[in-house]
PDB file of N, CA and C in Angstrom:
ATOM      1  N   MET A   1      10.423 -17.800   0.942  1.00  0.00           N
ATOM      2  CA  MET A   1      11.558 -16.903   0.910  1.00  0.00           C
ATOM      3  C   MET A   1      11.315 -15.763  -0.091  1.00  0.00           C
ATOM      4  N   PHE A   2      10.723 -16.103  -1.254  1.00  0.00           N
ATOM      5  CA  PHE A   2      10.468 -15.095  -2.279  1.00  0.00           C
ATOM      6  C   PHE A   2       9.502 -14.030  -1.772  1.00  0.00           C
ATOM      7  N   LYS A   3       8.437 -14.457  -1.071  1.00  0.00           N
ATOM      8  CA  LYS A   3       7.471 -13.484  -0.531  1.00  0.00           C
ATOM      9  C   LYS A   3       8.154 -12.536   0.450  1.00  0.00           C
ATOM     10  N   PHE A   4       9.035 -13.076   1.283  1.00  0.00           N
ATOM     11  CA  PHE A   4       9.748 -12.270   2.265  1.00  0.00           C
ATOM     12  C   PHE A   4      10.600 -11.208   1.568  1.00  0.00           C
ATOM     13  N   LEU A   5      11.331 -11.609   0.537  1.00  0.00           N
ATOM     14  CA  LEU A   5      12.170 -10.660  -0.208  1.00  0.00           C
ATOM     15  C   LEU A   5      11.311  -9.620  -0.925  1.00  0.00           C
ATOM     16  N   LYS A   6      10.163 -10.056  -1.431  1.00  0.00           N
ATOM     17  CA  LYS A   6       9.259  -9.134  -2.116  1.00  0.00           C
ATOM     18  C   LYS A   6       8.737  -8.077  -1.142  1.00  0.00           C
ATOM     19  N   ILE A   7       8.379  -8.487   0.076  1.00  0.00           N
ATOM     20  CA  ILE A   7       7.895  -7.552   1.093  1.00  0.00           C
ATOM     21  C   ILE A   7       8.992  -6.554   1.454  1.00  0.00           C
ATOM     22  N   ILE A   8      10.206  -7.031   1.626  1.00  0.00           N
ATOM     23  CA  ILE A   8      11.330  -6.142   1.941  1.00  0.00           C
ATOM     24  C   ILE A   8      11.571  -5.163   0.794  1.00  0.00           C
ATOM     25  N   PHE A   9      11.546  -5.665  -0.444  1.00  0.00           N
ATOM     26  CA  PHE A   9      11.766  -4.810  -1.610  1.00  0.00           C
ATOM     27  C   PHE A   9      10.741  -3.684  -1.664  1.00  0.00           C
ATOM     28  N   PHE A  10       9.446  -4.027  -1.513  1.00  0.00           N
ATOM     29  CA  PHE A  10       8.420  -3.000  -1.590  1.00  0.00           C
ATOM     30  C   PHE A  10       8.520  -2.022  -0.419  1.00  0.00           C
ATOM     31  N   GLY A  11       8.938  -2.493   0.743  1.00  0.00           N
ATOM     32  CA  GLY A  11       9.132  -1.594   1.884  1.00  0.00           C
ATOM     33  C   GLY A  11      10.226  -0.577   1.613  1.00  0.00           C
ATOM     34  N   ILE A  12      11.344  -1.051   1.089  1.00  0.00           N
ATOM     35  CA  ILE A  12      12.454  -0.153   0.762  1.00  0.00           C
ATOM     36  C   ILE A  12      12.049   0.800  -0.366  1.00  0.00           C
ATOM     37  N   LYS A  13      11.350   0.268  -1.345  1.00  0.00           N
ATOM     38  CA  LYS A  13      10.889   1.091  -2.467  1.00  0.00           C
ATOM     39  C   LYS A  13       9.993   2.223  -1.970  1.00  0.00           C
ATOM     40  N   ASP A  14       9.107   1.926  -1.006  1.00  0.00           N
ATOM     41  CA  ASP A  14       8.234   2.954  -0.440  1.00  0.00           C
ATOM     42  C   ASP A  14       9.031   4.038   0.269  1.00  0.00           C
ATOM     43  N   ILE A  15      10.089   3.657   0.944  1.00  0.00           N
ATOM     44  CA  ILE A  15      10.877   4.629   1.708  1.00  0.00           C
ATOM     45  C   ILE A  15      11.641   5.575   0.784  1.00  0.00           C
ATOM     46  N   ILE A  16      12.240   5.052  -0.291  1.00  0.00           N
ATOM     47  CA  ILE A  16      13.102   5.894  -1.125  1.00  0.00           C
ATOM     48  C   ILE A  16      12.386   6.513  -2.325  1.00  0.00           C
ATOM     49  N   ARG A  17      11.167   6.106  -2.583  1.00  0.00           N
ATOM     50  CA  ARG A  17      10.452   6.613  -3.763  1.00  0.00           C
ATOM     51  C   ARG A  17       9.997   8.059  -3.564  1.00  0.00           C
ATOM     52  N   ILE A  18      10.129   8.847  -4.587  1.00  0.00           N
ATOM     53  CA  ILE A  18       9.612  10.212  -4.590  1.00  0.00           C
ATOM     54  C   ILE A  18       8.310  10.186  -5.371  1.00  0.00           C
ATOM     55  N   LYS A  19       7.232  10.619  -4.722  1.00  0.00           N
ATOM     56  CA  LYS A  19       5.951  10.601  -5.400  1.00  0.00           C
ATOM     57  C   LYS A  19       5.939  11.648  -6.500  1.00  0.00           C
ATOM     58  N   LYS A  20       5.528  11.228  -7.669  1.00  0.00           N
ATOM     59  CA  LYS A  20       5.520  12.130  -8.814  1.00  0.00           C
ATOM     60  C   LYS A  20       4.125  12.649  -9.106  1.00  0.00           C
ATOM     61  N   ARG A  21       3.109  11.822  -8.938  1.00  0.00           N
ATOM     62  CA  ARG A  21       1.767  12.203  -9.367  1.00  0.00           C
ATOM     63  C   ARG A  21       0.877  12.689  -8.248  1.00  0.00           C
ATOM     64  N   ASN A  22       0.833  11.994  -7.154  1.00  0.00           N
ATOM     65  CA  ASN A  22      -0.204  12.225  -6.159  1.00  0.00           C
ATOM     66  C   ASN A  22       0.366  12.892  -4.911  1.00  0.00           C
ATOM     67  N   ASN A  23       0.104  14.172  -4.749  1.00  0.00           N
ATOM     68  CA  ASN A  23       0.623  14.905  -3.600  1.00  0.00           C
ATOM     69  C   ASN A  23      -0.405  15.078  -2.493  1.00  0.00           C
ATOM     70  N   LYS A  24      -1.640  14.628  -2.698  1.00  0.00           N
ATOM     71  CA  LYS A  24      -2.678  14.800  -1.685  1.00  0.00           C
ATOM     72  C   LYS A  24      -2.397  13.894  -0.497  1.00  0.00           C
ATOM     73  N   LYS A  25      -2.596  14.422   0.684  1.00  0.00           N
ATOM     74  CA  LYS A  25      -2.435  13.647   1.909  1.00  0.00           C
ATOM     75  C   LYS A  25      -3.779  13.011   2.263  1.00  0.00           C
ATOM     76  N   TYR A  26      -3.845  11.707   2.196  1.00  0.00           N
ATOM     77  CA  TYR A  26      -5.069  10.988   2.523  1.00  0.00           C
ATOM     78  C   TYR A  26      -5.036  10.529   3.977  1.00  0.00           C
ATOM     79  N   THR A  27      -6.198  10.487   4.599  1.00  0.00           N
ATOM     80  CA  THR A  27      -6.299   9.922   5.939  1.00  0.00           C
ATOM     81  C   THR A  27      -6.324   8.407   5.809  1.00  0.00           C
ATOM     82  N   ALA A  28      -6.115   7.711   6.921  1.00  0.00           N
ATOM     83  CA  ALA A  28      -6.144   6.250   6.908  1.00  0.00           C
ATOM     84  C   ALA A  28      -7.498   5.736   6.429  1.00  0.00           C
ATOM     85  N   LYS A  29      -8.570   6.408   6.825  1.00  0.00           N
ATOM     86  CA  LYS A  29      -9.910   5.993   6.402  1.00  0.00           C
ATOM     87  C   LYS A  29     -10.071   6.128   4.891  1.00  0.00           C
ATOM     88  N   GLU A  30      -9.578   7.236   4.327  1.00  0.00           N
ATOM     89  CA  GLU A  30      -9.657   7.433   2.879  1.00  0.00           C
ATOM     90  C   GLU A  30      -8.803   6.406   2.136  1.00  0.00           C
ATOM     91  N   ARG A  31      -7.637   6.109   2.680  1.00  0.00           N
ATOM     92  CA  ARG A  31      -6.750   5.131   2.049  1.00  0.00           C
ATOM     93  C   ARG A  31      -7.390   3.746   1.989  1.00  0.00           C
ATOM     94  N   ILE A  32      -7.964   3.301   3.107  1.00  0.00           N
ATOM     95  CA  ILE A  32      -8.549   1.958   3.130  1.00  0.00           C
ATOM     96  C   ILE A  32      -9.765   1.890   2.214  1.00  0.00           C
ATOM     97  N   GLU A  33     -10.505   2.981   2.088  1.00  0.00           N
ATOM     98  CA  GLU A  33     -11.644   3.001   1.164  1.00  0.00           C
ATOM     99  C   GLU A  33     -11.161   2.870  -0.281  1.00  0.00           C
ATOM    100  N   ILE A  34     -10.063   3.530  -0.612  1.00  0.00           N
ATOM    101  CA  ILE A  34      -9.481   3.397  -1.952  1.00  0.00           C
ATOM    102  C   ILE A  34      -9.061   1.949  -2.189  1.00  0.00           C
ATOM    103  N   CYS A  35      -8.436   1.344  -1.198  1.00  0.00           N
ATOM    104  CA  CYS A  35      -7.992  -0.052  -1.309  1.00  0.00           C
ATOM    105  C   CYS A  35      -9.168  -1.006  -1.519  1.00  0.00           C
ATOM    106  N   GLU A  36     -10.234  -0.787  -0.777  1.00  0.00           N
ATOM    107  CA  GLU A  36     -11.381  -1.698  -0.848  1.00  0.00           C
ATOM    108  C   GLU A  36     -12.022  -1.720  -2.237  1.00  0.00           C
ATOM    109  N   PHE A  37     -11.858  -0.654  -3.014  1.00  0.00           N
ATOM    110  CA  PHE A  37     -12.405  -0.619  -4.365  1.00  0.00           C
ATOM    111  C   PHE A  37     -11.388  -1.042  -5.435  1.00  0.00           C
ATOM    112  N   CYS A  38     -10.170  -1.312  -5.030  1.00  0.00           N
ATOM    113  CA  CYS A  38      -9.126  -1.728  -5.966  1.00  0.00           C
ATOM    114  C   CYS A  38      -9.292  -3.214  -6.303  1.00  0.00           C
ATOM    115  N   ASN A  39      -9.014  -3.584  -7.557  1.00  0.00           N
ATOM    116  CA  ASN A  39      -9.149  -4.995  -7.929  1.00  0.00           C
ATOM    117  C   ASN A  39      -7.989  -5.861  -7.434  1.00  0.00           C
ATOM    118  N   HIS A  40      -6.963  -5.279  -6.845  1.00  0.00           N
ATOM    119  CA  HIS A  40      -5.862  -6.049  -6.259  1.00  0.00           C
ATOM    120  C   HIS A  40      -6.113  -6.360  -4.778  1.00  0.00           C
ATOM    121  N   PHE A  41      -7.128  -5.748  -4.194  1.00  0.00           N
ATOM    122  CA  PHE A  41      -7.428  -5.917  -2.762  1.00  0.00           C
ATOM    123  C   PHE A  41      -8.024  -7.297  -2.517  1.00  0.00           C
ATOM    124  N   LYS A  42      -7.497  -8.004  -1.515  1.00  0.00           N
ATOM    125  CA  LYS A  42      -7.988  -9.326  -1.123  1.00  0.00           C
ATOM    126  C   LYS A  42      -8.853  -9.158   0.129  1.00  0.00           C
ATOM    127  N   PRO A  43     -10.191  -9.159  -0.021  1.00  0.00           N
ATOM    128  CA  PRO A  43     -11.064  -8.843   1.118  1.00  0.00           C
ATOM    129  C   PRO A  43     -11.023  -9.863   2.257  1.00  0.00           C
ATOM    130  N   LYS A  44     -10.763 -11.121   1.958  1.00  0.00           N
ATOM    131  CA  LYS A  44     -10.736 -12.136   3.028  1.00  0.00           C
ATOM    132  C   LYS A  44      -9.588 -11.922   4.000  1.00  0.00           C
ATOM    133  N   THR A  45      -8.421 -11.597   3.468  1.00  0.00           N
ATOM    134  CA  THR A  45      -7.255 -11.372   4.329  1.00  0.00           C
ATOM    135  C   THR A  45      -6.957  -9.891   4.525  1.00  0.00           C
ATOM    136  N   ARG A  46      -7.670  -9.024   3.757  1.00  0.00           N
ATOM    137  CA  ARG A  46      -7.489  -7.572   3.793  1.00  0.00           C
ATOM    138  C   ARG A  46      -6.046  -7.202   3.440  1.00  0.00           C
ATOM    139  N   GLN A  47      -5.526  -7.883   2.390  1.00  0.00           N
ATOM    140  CA  GLN A  47      -4.170  -7.653   1.904  1.00  0.00           C
ATOM    141  C   GLN A  47      -4.202  -7.110   0.483  1.00  0.00           C
ATOM    142  N   CYS A  48      -3.117  -6.451   0.128  1.00  0.00           N
ATOM    143  CA  CYS A  48      -2.911  -6.014  -1.250  1.00  0.00           C
ATOM    144  C   CYS A  48      -2.371  -7.195  -2.052  1.00  0.00           C
ATOM    145  N   GLY A  49      -2.884  -7.385  -3.247  1.00  0.00           N
ATOM    146  CA  GLY A  49      -2.423  -8.468  -4.096  1.00  0.00           C
ATOM    147  C   GLY A  49      -1.099  -8.194  -4.776  1.00  0.00           C
ATOM    148  N   ILE A  50      -0.601  -6.976  -4.684  1.00  0.00           N
ATOM    149  CA  ILE A  50       0.681  -6.623  -5.301  1.00  0.00           C
ATOM    150  C   ILE A  50       1.812  -6.733  -4.275  1.00  0.00           C
ATOM    151  N   CYS A  51       1.678  -6.013  -3.173  1.00  0.00           N
ATOM    152  CA  CYS A  51       2.771  -5.980  -2.180  1.00  0.00           C
ATOM    153  C   CYS A  51       2.542  -6.959  -1.020  1.00  0.00           C
ATOM    154  N   TRP A  52       1.348  -7.515  -0.914  1.00  0.00           N
ATOM    155  CA  TRP A  52       0.961  -8.482   0.120  1.00  0.00           C
ATOM    156  C   TRP A  52       0.961  -7.901   1.532  1.00  0.00           C
ATOM    157  N   CYS A  53       0.927  -6.585   1.644  1.00  0.00           N
ATOM    158  CA  CYS A  53       0.830  -5.944   2.956  1.00  0.00           C
ATOM    159  C   CYS A  53      -0.596  -6.079   3.496  1.00  0.00           C
ATOM    160  N   PHE A  54      -0.711  -6.081   4.814  1.00  0.00           N
ATOM    161  CA  PHE A  54      -2.023  -6.040   5.454  1.00  0.00           C
ATOM    162  C   PHE A  54      -2.461  -4.582   5.461  1.00  0.00           C
ATOM    163  N   MET A  55      -3.490  -4.283   4.690  1.00  0.00           N
ATOM    164  CA  MET A  55      -3.832  -2.899   4.406  1.00  0.00           C
ATOM    165  C   MET A  55      -4.412  -2.144   5.594  1.00  0.00           C
ATOM    166  N   ASP A  56      -5.036  -2.823   6.536  1.00  0.00           N
ATOM    167  CA  ASP A  56      -5.533  -2.131   7.724  1.00  0.00           C
ATOM    168  C   ASP A  56      -4.379  -1.533   8.535  1.00  0.00           C
ATOM    169  N   ILE A  57      -3.215  -2.125   8.422  1.00  0.00           N
ATOM    170  CA  ILE A  57      -2.025  -1.603   9.114  1.00  0.00           C
ATOM    171  C   ILE A  57      -1.299  -0.587   8.229  1.00  0.00           C
ATOM    172  N   LYS A  58      -1.059  -0.954   6.971  1.00  0.00           N
ATOM    173  CA  LYS A  58      -0.272  -0.094   6.075  1.00  0.00           C
ATOM    174  C   LYS A  58      -0.917   1.269   5.861  1.00  0.00           C
ATOM    175  N   THR A  59      -2.249   1.315   5.775  1.00  0.00           N
ATOM    176  CA  THR A  59      -2.924   2.593   5.518  1.00  0.00           C
ATOM    177  C   THR A  59      -2.787   3.569   6.679  1.00  0.00           C
ATOM    178  N   LYS A  60      -2.423   3.092   7.859  1.00  0.00           N
ATOM    179  CA  LYS A  60      -2.263   3.965   9.027  1.00  0.00           C
ATOM    180  C   LYS A  60      -0.842   4.516   9.169  1.00  0.00           C
ATOM    181  N   ILE A  61       0.086   4.004   8.375  1.00  0.00           N
ATOM    182  CA  ILE A  61       1.478   4.454   8.432  1.00  0.00           C
ATOM    183  C   ILE A  61       1.665   5.564   7.401  1.00  0.00           C
ATOM    184  N   LYS A  62       1.984   6.753   7.859  1.00  0.00           N
ATOM    185  CA  LYS A  62       1.997   7.947   7.009  1.00  0.00           C
ATOM    186  C   LYS A  62       3.003   7.882   5.868  1.00  0.00           C
ATOM    187  N   ASN A  63       4.173   7.306   6.072  1.00  0.00           N
ATOM    188  CA  ASN A  63       5.188   7.316   5.014  1.00  0.00           C
ATOM    189  C   ASN A  63       5.058   6.142   4.038  1.00  0.00           C
ATOM    190  N   LYS A  64       4.039   5.325   4.177  1.00  0.00           N
ATOM    191  CA  LYS A  64       3.788   4.229   3.241  1.00  0.00           C
ATOM    192  C   LYS A  64       2.922   4.725   2.096  1.00  0.00           C
ATOM    193  N   SER A  65       3.000   4.036   0.976  1.00  0.00           N
ATOM    194  CA  SER A  65       2.208   4.440  -0.186  1.00  0.00           C
ATOM    195  C   SER A  65       1.706   3.208  -0.933  1.00  0.00           C
ATOM    196  N   CYS A  66       0.756   3.442  -1.795  1.00  0.00           N
ATOM    197  CA  CYS A  66       0.167   2.388  -2.614  1.00  0.00           C
ATOM    198  C   CYS A  66       1.148   2.012  -3.737  1.00  0.00           C
ATOM    199  N   PRO A  67       1.349   0.713  -4.004  1.00  0.00           N
ATOM    200  CA  PRO A  67       2.239   0.340  -5.091  1.00  0.00           C
ATOM    201  C   PRO A  67       1.696   0.744  -6.468  1.00  0.00           C
ATOM    202  N   GLU A  68       0.415   1.057  -6.541  1.00  0.00           N
ATOM    203  CA  GLU A  68      -0.194   1.523  -7.787  1.00  0.00           C
ATOM    204  C   GLU A  68      -0.304   3.057  -7.813  1.00  0.00           C
ATOM    205  N   ASP A  69       0.256   3.741  -6.841  1.00  0.00           N
ATOM    206  CA  ASP A  69       0.225   5.199  -6.701  1.00  0.00           C
ATOM    207  C   ASP A  69      -1.195   5.772  -6.628  1.00  0.00           C
ATOM    208  N   LYS A  70      -2.087   5.017  -5.983  1.00  0.00           N
ATOM    209  CA  LYS A  70      -3.452   5.511  -5.796  1.00  0.00           C
ATOM    210  C   LYS A  70      -3.553   6.405  -4.570  1.00  0.00           C
ATOM    211  N   TRP A  71      -2.608   6.260  -3.639  1.00  0.00           N
ATOM    212  CA  TRP A  71      -2.515   7.154  -2.467  1.00  0.00           C
ATOM    213  C   TRP A  71      -1.087   7.195  -1.979  1.00  0.00           C
TER     214      TRP A  71
END
């Protein structure tokens, strides 16, 4: 139940958050490359260790962002 609420929280946070630092528009390929070098990235499941999203999907959604503000 906690994981489910955490996923919902981060989804809502992504929608209402105003980016302060990073205004560059990254492509999905650039985003996944950034994720693959992050120490929170879980290569076996290809998930983020912070938000637990599946990064191959999240990086393709334009209005989503990194919880660490890397993209």
